[in-house]
Each structure stands twice: as C-alpha cells, then as structure tokens.
C-alpha atoms as a PDB file:
ATOM      1  CA  MET A   1      41.332 -43.774  21.923  1.00  0.00           C
ATOM      2  CA  GLY A   2      37.823 -42.630  22.633  1.00  0.00           C
ATOM      3  CA  HIS A   3      34.765 -43.392  20.580  1.00  0.00           C
ATOM      4  CA  ASP A   4      32.370 -40.668  19.570  1.00  0.00           C
ATOM      5  CA  HIS A   5      28.720 -41.738  19.668  1.00  0.00           C
ATOM      6  CA  ARG A   6      27.355 -39.007  17.454  1.00  0.00           C
ATOM      7  CA  HIS A   7      26.088 -40.362  14.164  1.00  0.00           C
ATOM      8  CA  GLY A   8      25.180 -37.583  11.829  1.00  0.00           C
ATOM      9  CA  PRO A   9      25.922 -33.951  11.195  1.00  0.00           C
ATOM     10  CA  GLU A  10      26.526 -31.797  14.220  1.00  0.00           C
ATOM     11  CA  PRO A  11      24.086 -28.877  14.445  1.00  0.00           C
ATOM     12  CA  ARG A  12      25.550 -25.451  13.786  1.00  0.00           C
ATOM     13  CA  ALA A  13      26.222 -23.142  16.711  1.00  0.00           C
ATOM     14  CA  GLY A  14      23.200 -20.994  15.938  1.00  0.00           C
ATOM     15  CA  ALA A  15      20.837 -23.951  15.902  1.00  0.00           C
ATOM     16  CA  ARG A  16      22.270 -25.229  19.174  1.00  0.00           C
ATOM     17  CA  PHE A  17      21.641 -21.943  20.983  1.00  0.00           C
ATOM     18  CA  ARG A  18      18.317 -20.999  19.383  1.00  0.00           C
ATOM     19  CA  ASN A  19      16.270 -21.979  22.452  1.00  0.00           C
ATOM     20  CA  ARG A  20      18.512 -19.985  24.787  1.00  0.00           C
ATOM     21  CA  LEU A  21      18.274 -16.951  22.527  1.00  0.00           C
ATOM     22  CA  LEU A  22      14.501 -17.302  22.384  1.00  0.00           C
ATOM     23  CA  ILE A  23      14.271 -17.397  26.186  1.00  0.00           C
ATOM     24  CA  ALA A  24      16.538 -14.335  26.455  1.00  0.00           C
ATOM     25  CA  PHE A  25      14.450 -12.559  23.792  1.00  0.00           C
ATOM     26  CA  LEU A  26      11.188 -13.251  25.633  1.00  0.00           C
ATOM     27  CA  LEU A  27      12.620 -12.252  29.032  1.00  0.00           C
ATOM     28  CA  ALA A  28      14.131  -9.031  27.686  1.00  0.00           C
ATOM     29  CA  GLY A  29      10.883  -8.161  25.917  1.00  0.00           C
ATOM     30  CA  THR A  30       8.825  -8.838  29.039  1.00  0.00           C
ATOM     31  CA  PHE A  31      11.108  -6.778  31.271  1.00  0.00           C
ATOM     32  CA  MET A  32      11.095  -3.986  28.682  1.00  0.00           C
ATOM     33  CA  LEU A  33       7.306  -3.821  28.638  1.00  0.00           C
ATOM     34  CA  VAL A  34       7.061  -3.888  32.444  1.00  0.00           C
ATOM     35  CA  GLU A  35       9.736  -1.217  32.726  1.00  0.00           C
ATOM     36  CA  PHE A  36       8.024   0.945  30.110  1.00  0.00           C
ATOM     37  CA  GLY A  37       4.674   0.660  31.895  1.00  0.00           C
ATOM     38  CA  THR A  38       6.255   1.460  35.236  1.00  0.00           C
ATOM     39  CA  ALA A  39       8.085   4.431  33.716  1.00  0.00           C
ATOM     40  CA  LEU A  40       4.834   5.863  32.400  1.00  0.00           C
ATOM     41  CA  ALA A  41       2.984   5.229  35.682  1.00  0.00           C
ATOM     42  CA  THR A  42       5.686   6.858  37.807  1.00  0.00           C
ATOM     43  CA  ARG A  43       6.762   9.462  35.237  1.00  0.00           C
ATOM     44  CA  SER A  44      10.350   8.302  35.612  1.00  0.00           C
ATOM     45  CA  LEU A  45      12.675   9.397  32.845  1.00  0.00           C
ATOM     46  CA  THR A  46      15.353   7.033  34.163  1.00  0.00           C
ATOM     47  CA  LEU A  47      13.095   3.997  33.779  1.00  0.00           C
ATOM     48  CA  LEU A  48      11.952   5.208  30.369  1.00  0.00           C
ATOM     49  CA  SER A  49      15.522   5.524  29.111  1.00  0.00           C
ATOM     50  CA  ASP A  50      16.363   2.083  30.485  1.00  0.00           C
ATOM     51  CA  ALA A  51      13.279   0.681  28.719  1.00  0.00           C
ATOM     52  CA  GLY A  52      14.654   2.181  25.497  1.00  0.00           C
ATOM     53  CA  HIS A  53      17.947   0.442  26.149  1.00  0.00           C
ATOM     54  CA  MET A  54      16.087  -2.828  26.747  1.00  0.00           C
ATOM     55  CA  LEU A  55      14.306  -2.247  23.433  1.00  0.00           C
ATOM     56  CA  THR A  56      17.633  -2.168  21.568  1.00  0.00           C
ATOM     57  CA  ASP A  57      18.728  -5.352  23.366  1.00  0.00           C
ATOM     58  CA  THR A  58      15.460  -7.055  22.417  1.00  0.00           C
ATOM     59  CA  VAL A  59      15.808  -5.968  18.787  1.00  0.00           C
ATOM     60  CA  GLY A  60      19.369  -7.325  18.722  1.00  0.00           C
ATOM     61  CA  LEU A  61      18.234 -10.684  20.082  1.00  0.00           C
ATOM     62  CA  GLY A  62      15.396 -10.745  17.557  1.00  0.00           C
ATOM     63  CA  LEU A  63      17.834 -10.074  14.713  1.00  0.00           C
ATOM     64  CA  ALA A  64      20.051 -12.914  15.934  1.00  0.00           C
ATOM     65  CA  LEU A  65      17.062 -15.260  15.945  1.00  0.00           C
ATOM     66  CA  ALA A  66      16.081 -14.121  12.447  1.00  0.00           C
ATOM     67  CA  ALA A  67      19.632 -14.684  11.189  1.00  0.00           C
ATOM     68  CA  ILE A  68      19.692 -18.199  12.652  1.00  0.00           C
ATOM     69  CA  SER A  69      16.355 -18.940  11.032  1.00  0.00           C
ATOM     70  CA  ALA A  70      17.516 -17.614   7.656  1.00  0.00           C
ATOM     71  CA  ALA A  71      20.800 -19.542   7.837  1.00  0.00           C
ATOM     72  CA  THR A  72      19.028 -22.758   8.791  1.00  0.00           C
ATOM     73  CA  THR A  73      16.516 -22.335   5.971  1.00  0.00           C
ATOM     74  CA  ALA A  74      19.241 -21.515   3.441  1.00  0.00           C
ATOM     75  CA  SER A  75      21.382 -24.516   4.378  1.00  0.00           C
ATOM     76  CA  ALA A  76      18.381 -26.854   4.220  1.00  0.00           C
ATOM     77  CA  ALA A  77      17.527 -25.809   0.665  1.00  0.00           C
ATOM     78  CA  THR A  78      18.794 -28.287  -1.904  1.00  0.00           C
ATOM     79  CA  THR A  79      17.984 -26.374  -5.059  1.00  0.00           C
ATOM     80  CA  TRP A  80      20.545 -24.139  -6.673  1.00  0.00           C
ATOM     81  CA  SER A  81      19.846 -21.079  -8.713  1.00  0.00           C
ATOM     82  CA  SER A  82      21.121 -20.999 -12.275  1.00  0.00           C
ATOM     83  CA  GLY A  83      23.701 -18.412 -11.256  1.00  0.00           C
ATOM     84  CA  ALA A  84      25.150 -20.670  -8.592  1.00  0.00           C
ATOM     85  CA  ARG A  85      25.206 -23.603 -11.007  1.00  0.00           C
ATOM     86  CA  SER A  86      27.033 -21.652 -13.686  1.00  0.00           C
ATOM     87  CA  SER A  87      29.659 -20.451 -11.213  1.00  0.00           C
ATOM     88  CA  HIS A  88      30.572 -24.076 -10.470  1.00  0.00           C
ATOM     89  CA  CYS A  89      31.011 -25.094 -14.133  1.00  0.00           C
ATOM     90  CA  SER A  90      34.417 -26.263 -15.179  1.00  0.00           C
ATOM     91  CA  THR A  91      36.750 -23.478 -16.116  1.00  0.00           C
ATOM     92  CA  ARG A  92      38.175 -24.238 -19.539  1.00  0.00           C
ATOM     93  CA  ALA A  93      40.337 -21.780 -21.347  1.00  0.00           C
ATOM     94  CA  HIS A  94      38.362 -20.262 -24.201  1.00  0.00           C
ATOM     95  CA  ARG A  95      40.221 -20.584 -27.474  1.00  0.00           C
ATOM     96  CA  PRO A  96      39.609 -17.901 -30.025  1.00  0.00           C
ATOM     97  CA  SER A  97      38.032 -19.248 -33.219  1.00  0.00           C
END
C-alpha cells in the first residue's frame, strides 16, 4: 500500500490550472493585437477576421479566469447569508394549532 504525502485539501481543478490559463490568455491577447495591427497596416481582411476570432478566444479565456476567481472567492467565504442558513434548518412537520 502506498502512502500519500499530501496533508491538506487538494486545490480544485480551476485553481490548479489558473497559471496556465493566464499564460494562454496573455499569449492570445498579444497575438490578437499584433494580428490586428498587421491587418490594418496591410489592409488584409483575412488577418482582420482572424484577429476577430482571436478576440473571441481571448474573451473565452478571460471568462474562464473570472469564473475561477469567483469560485475561489465564494468557496473561501465562511459567512452564510440568512437565506442559506434558513434552508439548512431542521425540517419538522408543522402541526396545525
């Protein structure tokens, strides 16, 4: 039997890949800007349309990063709203008076 040396909670998948997503986001954004500038300089509609495609990829990566950030922030919060507290109250059958 093997022994696992991790002592503590394992990070969620999003938190584990945040740095990789950030690198991909920055690379895609950089290539998009270079491609857009080149498209304007050369008046190339093909490059301009590809820059638009890169824009949608960059937005998607940005949304993934925002979702990871929101999920990490939400799971780190220890306070509950009153609505969440009341939904976890014991469920007793209400007897009519």
